[in-house]
N, C-alpha and C. Protein backbone atom coordinates (compact mmCIF):
# COMPACT_ATOMS: atom_id res chain seq x y z
N MET A 1 81.13 -68.95 -47.14
CA MET A 1 80.98 -67.54 -47.69
C MET A 1 80.35 -66.54 -46.81
N ALA A 2 80.61 -65.38 -46.81
CA ALA A 2 80.13 -64.44 -46.07
C ALA A 2 78.76 -63.94 -46.61
N LYS A 3 77.78 -63.61 -45.64
CA LYS A 3 76.52 -63.09 -46.30
C LYS A 3 76.61 -61.67 -46.39
N LYS A 4 75.97 -61.12 -47.42
CA LYS A 4 76.03 -59.70 -47.56
C LYS A 4 74.77 -59.04 -47.11
N GLY A 5 74.83 -57.66 -46.64
CA GLY A 5 73.61 -56.99 -46.37
C GLY A 5 73.22 -56.84 -44.72
N LYS A 6 74.16 -57.43 -43.96
CA LYS A 6 73.94 -57.23 -42.50
C LYS A 6 74.32 -55.86 -42.08
N ILE A 7 75.21 -55.22 -42.49
CA ILE A 7 75.60 -53.98 -42.22
C ILE A 7 75.19 -52.85 -43.09
N LYS A 8 74.43 -51.83 -42.66
CA LYS A 8 73.84 -50.90 -43.62
C LYS A 8 74.18 -49.58 -43.14
N ILE A 9 74.60 -48.72 -44.24
CA ILE A 9 74.82 -47.13 -43.98
C ILE A 9 73.25 -46.59 -43.90
N ILE A 10 73.12 -45.86 -42.93
CA ILE A 10 71.82 -45.14 -42.64
C ILE A 10 72.11 -43.73 -42.36
N THR A 11 70.93 -42.86 -42.49
CA THR A 11 70.94 -41.45 -42.34
C THR A 11 70.09 -41.15 -41.14
N LEU A 12 70.67 -40.31 -40.26
CA LEU A 12 69.81 -39.82 -39.05
C LEU A 12 69.46 -38.33 -39.36
N GLU A 13 68.17 -37.97 -39.05
CA GLU A 13 67.69 -36.52 -39.29
C GLU A 13 67.20 -36.01 -38.13
N CYS A 14 67.46 -34.67 -37.88
CA CYS A 14 66.86 -34.16 -36.73
C CYS A 14 65.40 -34.01 -36.70
N THR A 15 64.44 -34.39 -35.73
CA THR A 15 63.21 -34.20 -35.60
C THR A 15 62.56 -32.86 -35.11
N GLU A 16 63.35 -32.08 -34.50
CA GLU A 16 62.88 -30.82 -33.96
C GLU A 16 63.07 -29.68 -34.88
N ALA A 17 63.88 -29.63 -35.86
CA ALA A 17 64.54 -28.35 -36.64
C ALA A 17 63.13 -28.13 -37.57
N ARG A 18 62.57 -29.02 -38.12
CA ARG A 18 61.48 -28.51 -39.07
C ARG A 18 60.24 -27.96 -38.43
N LYS A 19 60.07 -28.39 -37.21
CA LYS A 19 58.92 -27.74 -36.39
C LYS A 19 59.30 -26.18 -36.16
N GLU A 20 60.61 -25.96 -35.98
CA GLU A 20 60.89 -24.50 -35.71
C GLU A 20 61.32 -23.78 -37.01
N GLY A 21 61.14 -24.34 -38.24
CA GLY A 21 61.39 -23.69 -39.44
C GLY A 21 62.99 -23.49 -39.90
N LYS A 22 63.73 -24.28 -39.14
CA LYS A 22 65.12 -24.38 -39.61
C LYS A 22 65.40 -25.59 -40.40
N SER A 23 66.65 -25.55 -41.03
CA SER A 23 67.02 -26.76 -41.72
C SER A 23 67.67 -27.96 -40.83
N PRO A 24 67.19 -29.09 -41.12
CA PRO A 24 67.44 -30.17 -40.25
C PRO A 24 68.84 -30.66 -40.42
N SER A 25 69.49 -31.07 -39.38
CA SER A 25 70.81 -31.54 -39.48
C SER A 25 70.79 -33.05 -39.71
N ARG A 26 71.87 -33.58 -40.59
CA ARG A 26 71.76 -35.04 -40.89
C ARG A 26 73.05 -35.62 -40.64
N TYR A 27 73.20 -36.65 -40.19
CA TYR A 27 74.34 -37.56 -39.69
C TYR A 27 74.13 -38.79 -40.45
N THR A 28 75.37 -39.43 -40.91
CA THR A 28 75.35 -40.87 -41.29
C THR A 28 76.15 -41.77 -40.22
N THR A 29 75.63 -43.01 -40.37
CA THR A 29 76.15 -44.05 -39.47
C THR A 29 75.75 -45.25 -40.05
N THR A 30 76.50 -46.48 -39.32
CA THR A 30 76.07 -47.87 -39.76
C THR A 30 75.36 -48.54 -38.63
N LYS A 31 74.57 -49.52 -39.14
CA LYS A 31 74.05 -50.37 -38.12
C LYS A 31 73.80 -51.70 -38.53
N ASN A 32 73.74 -52.61 -37.83
CA ASN A 32 73.57 -54.08 -38.08
C ASN A 32 71.99 -54.44 -38.08
N THR A 33 71.57 -54.63 -39.24
CA THR A 33 70.08 -54.85 -39.42
C THR A 33 69.55 -56.12 -38.90
N GLN A 34 70.46 -56.96 -38.67
CA GLN A 34 70.11 -58.37 -38.31
C GLN A 34 69.76 -58.28 -36.74
N THR A 35 70.67 -57.54 -36.03
CA THR A 35 70.37 -57.49 -34.56
C THR A 35 69.61 -56.42 -34.19
N HIS A 36 69.36 -55.19 -34.99
CA HIS A 36 68.62 -54.15 -34.70
C HIS A 36 67.62 -53.87 -35.83
N PRO A 37 66.58 -54.59 -36.10
CA PRO A 37 65.65 -54.14 -37.30
C PRO A 37 64.94 -52.99 -37.14
N GLU A 38 64.71 -52.40 -35.84
CA GLU A 38 63.71 -51.28 -35.69
C GLU A 38 64.70 -50.04 -36.00
N ARG A 39 63.93 -49.01 -36.06
CA ARG A 39 64.58 -47.60 -36.56
C ARG A 39 65.42 -47.04 -35.27
N LEU A 40 66.47 -46.39 -35.62
CA LEU A 40 67.48 -45.98 -34.69
C LEU A 40 67.12 -44.59 -34.20
N GLU A 41 67.24 -44.25 -33.07
CA GLU A 41 67.17 -42.82 -32.67
C GLU A 41 68.40 -42.51 -31.69
N LYS A 42 68.96 -41.59 -31.81
CA LYS A 42 70.11 -40.95 -31.06
C LYS A 42 70.00 -39.47 -30.84
N LYS A 43 70.56 -39.03 -29.80
CA LYS A 43 70.75 -37.61 -29.59
C LYS A 43 71.99 -37.14 -30.05
N LYS A 44 71.86 -36.09 -31.06
CA LYS A 44 73.00 -35.57 -31.68
C LYS A 44 73.00 -34.03 -31.58
N TYR A 45 74.02 -33.40 -31.85
CA TYR A 45 74.05 -31.83 -31.77
C TYR A 45 73.56 -31.35 -33.23
N ASN A 46 72.61 -30.37 -33.15
CA ASN A 46 72.06 -29.63 -34.30
C ASN A 46 72.76 -28.22 -34.11
N ALA A 47 73.53 -27.96 -35.18
CA ALA A 47 74.30 -26.58 -35.10
C ALA A 47 73.29 -25.37 -35.36
N ALA A 48 72.22 -25.69 -36.13
CA ALA A 48 71.28 -24.61 -36.40
C ALA A 48 70.53 -24.16 -35.30
N LEU A 49 70.09 -25.08 -34.22
CA LEU A 49 69.34 -24.94 -33.10
C LEU A 49 70.43 -24.70 -31.77
N LYS A 50 71.55 -24.97 -32.06
CA LYS A 50 72.72 -24.96 -31.09
C LYS A 50 72.38 -25.60 -29.79
N ARG A 51 71.89 -26.78 -30.03
CA ARG A 51 71.67 -27.87 -28.81
C ARG A 51 71.57 -29.34 -29.30
N HIS A 52 71.52 -30.21 -28.40
CA HIS A 52 71.49 -31.62 -28.72
C HIS A 52 69.85 -31.93 -28.93
N THR A 53 69.63 -32.58 -30.08
CA THR A 53 68.32 -32.91 -30.39
C THR A 53 68.25 -34.42 -30.72
N VAL A 54 66.95 -34.96 -30.78
CA VAL A 54 66.60 -36.33 -31.20
C VAL A 54 66.80 -36.56 -32.69
N HIS A 55 67.62 -37.26 -33.13
CA HIS A 55 67.80 -37.64 -34.60
C HIS A 55 67.15 -39.01 -34.78
N ARG A 56 66.33 -39.13 -35.84
CA ARG A 56 65.91 -40.54 -36.25
C ARG A 56 66.32 -41.03 -37.66
N GLU A 57 66.27 -42.15 -37.69
CA GLU A 57 66.66 -42.85 -39.07
C GLU A 57 65.73 -42.50 -40.18
N LEU A 58 66.09 -42.34 -41.17
CA LEU A 58 65.32 -42.06 -42.42
C LEU A 58 65.10 -43.44 -43.23
N LYS A 59 63.95 -43.55 -43.91
CA LYS A 59 63.89 -44.67 -44.72
C LYS A 59 64.79 -44.92 -45.71
């Protein structure tokens, strides 16, 4: 039988937009929690700021 719960859908939110008073952009992606238990960080595009910014995983 296959184990459930290894792959989870997570939400990434922009870290710089709130500091500048704009609405943060959000992306959804999946990650394997067994191989990467730490929080995920990626550089993604924020349309409100018109540049690439760091997006971190929400709880």
